[in-house]
Amino acid sequence: MLCFAVLVDVLVGEPPEMLHPTVWMGKVIHFLKERIRKENAGIEKFNGALMALFVIILFSLPPYFILFIVRVQLGRIAYIIVGALLLKPTFAIKCMKQYALRIAESIEIGNVTQAKSLLPFIVRRDPTGLDSQHVISATIESIAESTVDGVTSLFSFSLSSVFREHSRFEPSIL
């Protein structure tokens, strides 16, 4: 499943924005953040913790239910394919490479404006006041952060797969 997910990423890249769970997650977080009370820091922190828990549950449970149903109804091959497609959006090898190269090419030819226009696709910060060195720094920082996030998601996936496999054969482990 993991190999197929990486293959899909390298060959196809990201799903369309309207189907990308990370985009949906960002919209849900943005929607909820606007509604968190800001008058009292204690309440804001509590609401933030509730929001985090809600978002984790909202975006974690559906894939597990989908995979359970696919495994039971359609079998192991379908389970692997659907699992790989659900895992794929947790990392972005091809996408990060494409944007980083385009930003680097823009900087190389001296077109900092173009580089800054590409930066928001991989970085959250506002690139308006950045010079070429800061654009390069932001690009490298974003690639590093995305790499850590991707490796963490793949490690978590691998670890949960190991536990899931062991629990079927040795229920006493879990």
C-alpha atoms as a PDB file:
ATOM      1  CA  MET A   1       0.000   0.000   0.000  1.00  0.00           C
ATOM      2  CA  LEU A   2       2.789   2.381   0.941  1.00  0.00           C
ATOM      3  CA  CYS A   3       4.741   1.684  -2.253  1.00  0.00           C
ATOM      4  CA  PHE A   4       1.622   2.193  -4.361  1.00  0.00           C
ATOM      5  CA  ALA A   5       0.873   5.508  -2.583  1.00  0.00           C
ATOM      6  CA  VAL A   6       4.414   6.757  -3.274  1.00  0.00           C
ATOM      7  CA  LEU A   7       4.125   5.601  -6.903  1.00  0.00           C
ATOM      8  CA  VAL A   8       0.831   7.496  -7.299  1.00  0.00           C
ATOM      9  CA  ASP A   9       2.464  10.599  -5.835  1.00  0.00           C
ATOM     10  CA  VAL A  10       5.506  10.449  -8.094  1.00  0.00           C
ATOM     11  CA  LEU A  11       3.521   9.670 -11.271  1.00  0.00           C
ATOM     12  CA  VAL A  12       0.302  11.626 -10.728  1.00  0.00           C
ATOM     13  CA  GLY A  13       0.938  14.127  -7.955  1.00  0.00           C
ATOM     14  CA  GLU A  14      -1.761  15.775  -5.902  1.00  0.00           C
ATOM     15  CA  PRO A  15      -5.494  15.210  -6.252  1.00  0.00           C
ATOM     16  CA  PRO A  16      -7.501  18.188  -7.521  1.00  0.00           C
ATOM     17  CA  GLU A  17      -7.978  20.902  -4.913  1.00  0.00           C
ATOM     18  CA  MET A  18     -11.708  20.221  -4.564  1.00  0.00           C
ATOM     19  CA  LEU A  19     -10.953  16.574  -3.637  1.00  0.00           C
ATOM     20  CA  HIS A  20      -7.864  17.163  -1.501  1.00  0.00           C
ATOM     21  CA  PRO A  21      -8.470  16.335   2.177  1.00  0.00           C
ATOM     22  CA  THR A  22      -5.770  18.770   3.295  1.00  0.00           C
ATOM     23  CA  VAL A  23      -7.651  21.590   1.578  1.00  0.00           C
ATOM     24  CA  TRP A  24     -10.890  20.482   3.258  1.00  0.00           C
ATOM     25  CA  MET A  25      -9.110  20.305   6.594  1.00  0.00           C
ATOM     26  CA  GLY A  26      -7.789  23.839   6.150  1.00  0.00           C
ATOM     27  CA  LYS A  27     -11.277  25.117   5.340  1.00  0.00           C
ATOM     28  CA  VAL A  28     -12.785  23.394   8.391  1.00  0.00           C
ATOM     29  CA  ILE A  29     -10.035  24.785  10.646  1.00  0.00           C
ATOM     30  CA  HIS A  30     -10.465  28.276   9.186  1.00  0.00           C
ATOM     31  CA  PHE A  31     -14.248  28.068   9.679  1.00  0.00           C
ATOM     32  CA  LEU A  32     -13.888  26.907  13.295  1.00  0.00           C
ATOM     33  CA  LYS A  33     -11.089  29.354  14.191  1.00  0.00           C
ATOM     34  CA  GLU A  34     -13.297  32.285  13.246  1.00  0.00           C
ATOM     35  CA  ARG A  35     -15.871  31.067  15.782  1.00  0.00           C
ATOM     36  CA  ILE A  36     -13.554  30.522  18.742  1.00  0.00           C
ATOM     37  CA  ARG A  37     -14.122  33.117  21.436  1.00  0.00           C
ATOM     38  CA  LYS A  38     -11.145  35.372  21.921  1.00  0.00           C
ATOM     39  CA  GLU A  39     -12.215  37.314  25.013  1.00  0.00           C
ATOM     40  CA  ASN A  40     -10.884  34.842  27.571  1.00  0.00           C
ATOM     41  CA  ALA A  41      -7.551  33.080  26.996  1.00  0.00           C
ATOM     42  CA  GLY A  42      -8.630  30.054  29.062  1.00  0.00           C
ATOM     43  CA  ILE A  43     -11.803  29.567  27.035  1.00  0.00           C
ATOM     44  CA  GLU A  44      -9.901  30.149  23.799  1.00  0.00           C
ATOM     45  CA  LYS A  45      -7.385  27.434  24.695  1.00  0.00           C
ATOM     46  CA  PHE A  46     -10.156  25.034  25.672  1.00  0.00           C
ATOM     47  CA  ASN A  47     -12.025  25.773  22.444  1.00  0.00           C
ATOM     48  CA  GLY A  48      -8.781  25.306  20.496  1.00  0.00           C
ATOM     49  CA  ALA A  49      -8.248  21.904  22.110  1.00  0.00           C
ATOM     50  CA  LEU A  50     -11.847  20.925  21.279  1.00  0.00           C
ATOM     51  CA  MET A  51     -11.361  22.129  17.726  1.00  0.00           C
ATOM     52  CA  ALA A  52      -8.168  20.061  17.358  1.00  0.00           C
ATOM     53  CA  LEU A  53      -9.896  16.960  18.716  1.00  0.00           C
ATOM     54  CA  PHE A  54     -12.906  17.509  16.458  1.00  0.00           C
ATOM     55  CA  VAL A  55     -10.748  17.958  13.338  1.00  0.00           C
ATOM     56  CA  ILE A  56      -8.667  14.874  14.143  1.00  0.00           C
ATOM     57  CA  ILE A  57     -11.792  12.757  14.576  1.00  0.00           C
ATOM     58  CA  LEU A  58     -13.523  14.278  11.549  1.00  0.00           C
ATOM     59  CA  PHE A  59     -10.610  13.485   9.222  1.00  0.00           C
ATOM     60  CA  SER A  60      -9.437  10.211  10.806  1.00  0.00           C
ATOM     61  CA  LEU A  61     -12.568   8.138  11.266  1.00  0.00           C
ATOM     62  CA  PRO A  62     -13.959   8.210   7.696  1.00  0.00           C
ATOM     63  CA  PRO A  63     -10.832   6.623   6.147  1.00  0.00           C
ATOM     64  CA  TYR A  64     -10.883   3.863   8.756  1.00  0.00           C
ATOM     65  CA  PHE A  65     -14.568   3.146   8.099  1.00  0.00           C
ATOM     66  CA  ILE A  66     -14.041   3.290   4.335  1.00  0.00           C
ATOM     67  CA  LEU A  67     -11.114   0.872   4.544  1.00  0.00           C
ATOM     68  CA  PHE A  68     -13.027  -1.475   6.832  1.00  0.00           C
ATOM     69  CA  ILE A  69     -15.982  -1.595   4.435  1.00  0.00           C
ATOM     70  CA  VAL A  70     -13.733  -1.995   1.368  1.00  0.00           C
ATOM     71  CA  ARG A  71     -11.779  -4.818   3.031  1.00  0.00           C
ATOM     72  CA  VAL A  72     -14.913  -6.682   4.084  1.00  0.00           C
ATOM     73  CA  GLN A  73     -16.954  -6.077   0.930  1.00  0.00           C
ATOM     74  CA  LEU A  74     -14.345  -5.943  -1.862  1.00  0.00           C
ATOM     75  CA  GLY A  75     -11.279  -7.801  -0.591  1.00  0.00           C
ATOM     76  CA  ARG A  76      -7.584  -7.270  -0.049  1.00  0.00           C
ATOM     77  CA  ILE A  77      -6.644  -5.893  -3.509  1.00  0.00           C
ATOM     78  CA  ALA A  78      -9.320  -3.183  -3.367  1.00  0.00           C
ATOM     79  CA  TYR A  79      -8.285  -2.492   0.223  1.00  0.00           C
ATOM     80  CA  ILE A  80      -4.676  -1.905  -0.852  1.00  0.00           C
ATOM     81  CA  ILE A  81      -5.658   0.350  -3.760  1.00  0.00           C
ATOM     82  CA  VAL A  82      -8.151   2.440  -1.759  1.00  0.00           C
ATOM     83  CA  GLY A  83      -5.769   2.568   1.201  1.00  0.00           C
ATOM     84  CA  ALA A  84      -2.967   3.853  -1.025  1.00  0.00           C
ATOM     85  CA  LEU A  85      -5.243   6.525  -2.491  1.00  0.00           C
ATOM     86  CA  LEU A  86      -6.277   7.603   1.018  1.00  0.00           C
ATOM     87  CA  LEU A  87      -2.662   7.624   2.208  1.00  0.00           C
ATOM     88  CA  LYS A  88      -1.311   9.560  -0.794  1.00  0.00           C
ATOM     89  CA  PRO A  89      -2.516  13.063   0.254  1.00  0.00           C
ATOM     90  CA  THR A  90      -0.494  12.841   3.484  1.00  0.00           C
ATOM     91  CA  PHE A  91       2.712  13.622   1.565  1.00  0.00           C
ATOM     92  CA  ALA A  92       3.568  15.640  -1.548  1.00  0.00           C
ATOM     93  CA  ILE A  93       6.881  14.638  -3.078  1.00  0.00           C
ATOM     94  CA  LYS A  94       6.097  15.607  -6.686  1.00  0.00           C
ATOM     95  CA  CYS A  95       4.248  18.815  -5.815  1.00  0.00           C
ATOM     96  CA  MET A  96       6.968  20.155  -3.522  1.00  0.00           C
ATOM     97  CA  LYS A  97       9.651  19.338  -6.077  1.00  0.00           C
ATOM     98  CA  GLN A  98       7.754  21.100  -8.873  1.00  0.00           C
ATOM     99  CA  TYR A  99       7.166  24.303  -6.898  1.00  0.00           C
ATOM    100  CA  ALA A 100      10.660  24.371  -5.396  1.00  0.00           C
ATOM    101  CA  LEU A 101      12.226  24.020  -8.859  1.00  0.00           C
ATOM    102  CA  ARG A 102       9.991  26.743 -10.321  1.00  0.00           C
ATOM    103  CA  ILE A 103      10.858  29.075  -7.444  1.00  0.00           C
ATOM    104  CA  ALA A 104      14.581  28.299  -7.825  1.00  0.00           C
ATOM    105  CA  GLU A 105      14.415  28.929 -11.590  1.00  0.00           C
ATOM    106  CA  SER A 106      12.654  32.250 -11.002  1.00  0.00           C
ATOM    107  CA  ILE A 107      15.291  33.326  -8.474  1.00  0.00           C
ATOM    108  CA  GLU A 108      18.073  32.162 -10.789  1.00  0.00           C
ATOM    109  CA  ILE A 109      16.878  34.407 -13.644  1.00  0.00           C
ATOM    110  CA  GLY A 110      16.331  37.297 -11.222  1.00  0.00           C
ATOM    111  CA  ASN A 111      12.529  37.243 -11.283  1.00  0.00           C
ATOM    112  CA  VAL A 112      11.847  37.569  -7.537  1.00  0.00           C
ATOM    113  CA  THR A 113       8.277  38.714  -8.213  1.00  0.00           C
ATOM    114  CA  GLN A 114       7.472  35.456  -9.971  1.00  0.00           C
ATOM    115  CA  ALA A 115       9.164  33.455  -7.195  1.00  0.00           C
ATOM    116  CA  LYS A 116       7.065  35.311  -4.608  1.00  0.00           C
ATOM    117  CA  SER A 117       3.896  34.562  -6.579  1.00  0.00           C
ATOM    118  CA  LEU A 118       4.710  30.822  -6.418  1.00  0.00           C
ATOM    119  CA  LEU A 119       5.651  30.798  -2.737  1.00  0.00           C
ATOM    120  CA  PRO A 120       2.091  30.792  -1.291  1.00  0.00           C
ATOM    121  CA  PHE A 121       1.522  27.384  -2.884  1.00  0.00           C
ATOM    122  CA  ILE A 122       3.988  25.836  -0.432  1.00  0.00           C
ATOM    123  CA  VAL A 123       4.302  28.410   2.404  1.00  0.00           C
ATOM    124  CA  ARG A 124       1.663  30.071   4.573  1.00  0.00           C
ATOM    125  CA  ARG A 125       3.540  33.310   5.218  1.00  0.00           C
ATOM    126  CA  ASP A 126       2.907  36.440   3.181  1.00  0.00           C
ATOM    127  CA  PRO A 127       5.762  36.732   0.668  1.00  0.00           C
ATOM    128  CA  THR A 128       5.135  40.412  -0.160  1.00  0.00           C
ATOM    129  CA  GLY A 129       8.058  41.878   1.817  1.00  0.00           C
ATOM    130  CA  LEU A 130      10.530  39.076   1.176  1.00  0.00           C
ATOM    131  CA  ASP A 131      13.749  39.527  -0.769  1.00  0.00           C
ATOM    132  CA  SER A 132      15.292  36.715  -2.832  1.00  0.00           C
ATOM    133  CA  GLN A 133      17.264  35.295   0.124  1.00  0.00           C
ATOM    134  CA  HIS A 134      14.119  35.107   2.258  1.00  0.00           C
ATOM    135  CA  VAL A 135      12.177  33.496  -0.601  1.00  0.00           C
ATOM    136  CA  ILE A 136      14.895  30.833  -0.835  1.00  0.00           C
ATOM    137  CA  SER A 137      14.873  30.409   2.941  1.00  0.00           C
ATOM    138  CA  ALA A 138      11.071  30.073   3.034  1.00  0.00           C
ATOM    139  CA  THR A 139      11.184  27.497   0.232  1.00  0.00           C
ATOM    140  CA  ILE A 140      13.817  25.388   1.970  1.00  0.00           C
ATOM    141  CA  GLU A 141      12.013  25.680   5.297  1.00  0.00           C
ATOM    142  CA  SER A 142       8.733  24.575   3.708  1.00  0.00           C
ATOM    143  CA  ILE A 143      10.349  21.601   1.974  1.00  0.00           C
ATOM    144  CA  ALA A 144      11.981  20.562   5.245  1.00  0.00           C
ATOM    145  CA  GLU A 145       8.720  20.893   7.169  1.00  0.00           C
ATOM    146  CA  SER A 146       6.752  19.001   4.527  1.00  0.00           C
ATOM    147  CA  THR A 147       9.378  16.275   4.477  1.00  0.00           C
ATOM    148  CA  VAL A 148       9.127  15.854   8.245  1.00  0.00           C
ATOM    149  CA  ASP A 149       5.315  15.830   8.047  1.00  0.00           C
ATOM    150  CA  GLY A 150       5.364  13.283   5.224  1.00  0.00           C
ATOM    151  CA  VAL A 151       7.884  11.008   6.915  1.00  0.00           C
ATOM    152  CA  THR A 152       5.894  11.254  10.154  1.00  0.00           C
ATOM    153  CA  SER A 153       2.654  10.309   8.381  1.00  0.00           C
ATOM    154  CA  LEU A 154       4.331   7.408   6.594  1.00  0.00           C
ATOM    155  CA  PHE A 155       5.964   6.233   9.837  1.00  0.00           C
ATOM    156  CA  SER A 156       2.606   6.455  11.655  1.00  0.00           C
ATOM    157  CA  PHE A 157       0.930   4.552   8.841  1.00  0.00           C
ATOM    158  CA  SER A 158       3.608   1.854   8.893  1.00  0.00           C
ATOM    159  CA  LEU A 159       3.469   1.530  12.667  1.00  0.00           C
ATOM    160  CA  SER A 160      -0.325   1.296  12.715  1.00  0.00           C
ATOM    161  CA  SER A 161      -0.184  -1.317   9.929  1.00  0.00           C
ATOM    162  CA  VAL A 162       2.228  -3.438  11.960  1.00  0.00           C
ATOM    163  CA  PHE A 163      -0.010  -3.250  15.037  1.00  0.00           C
ATOM    164  CA  ARG A 164      -3.080  -3.989  12.947  1.00  0.00           C
ATOM    165  CA  GLU A 165      -1.451  -7.069  11.412  1.00  0.00           C
ATOM    166  CA  HIS A 166      -0.198  -8.321  14.786  1.00  0.00           C
ATOM    167  CA  SER A 167      -3.555  -7.815  16.439  1.00  0.00           C
ATOM    168  CA  ARG A 168      -5.186 -10.221  13.964  1.00  0.00           C
ATOM    169  CA  PHE A 169      -2.736 -13.008  14.682  1.00  0.00           C
ATOM    170  CA  GLU A 170      -1.947 -12.322  18.332  1.00  0.00           C
ATOM    171  CA  PRO A 171      -4.896 -10.566  19.987  1.00  0.00           C
ATOM    172  CA  SER A 172      -3.118 -10.580  23.348  1.00  0.00           C
ATOM    173  CA  ILE A 173      -0.566  -8.012  22.086  1.00  0.00           C
ATOM    174  CA  LEU A 174      -3.087  -5.181  21.970  1.00  0.00           C
END
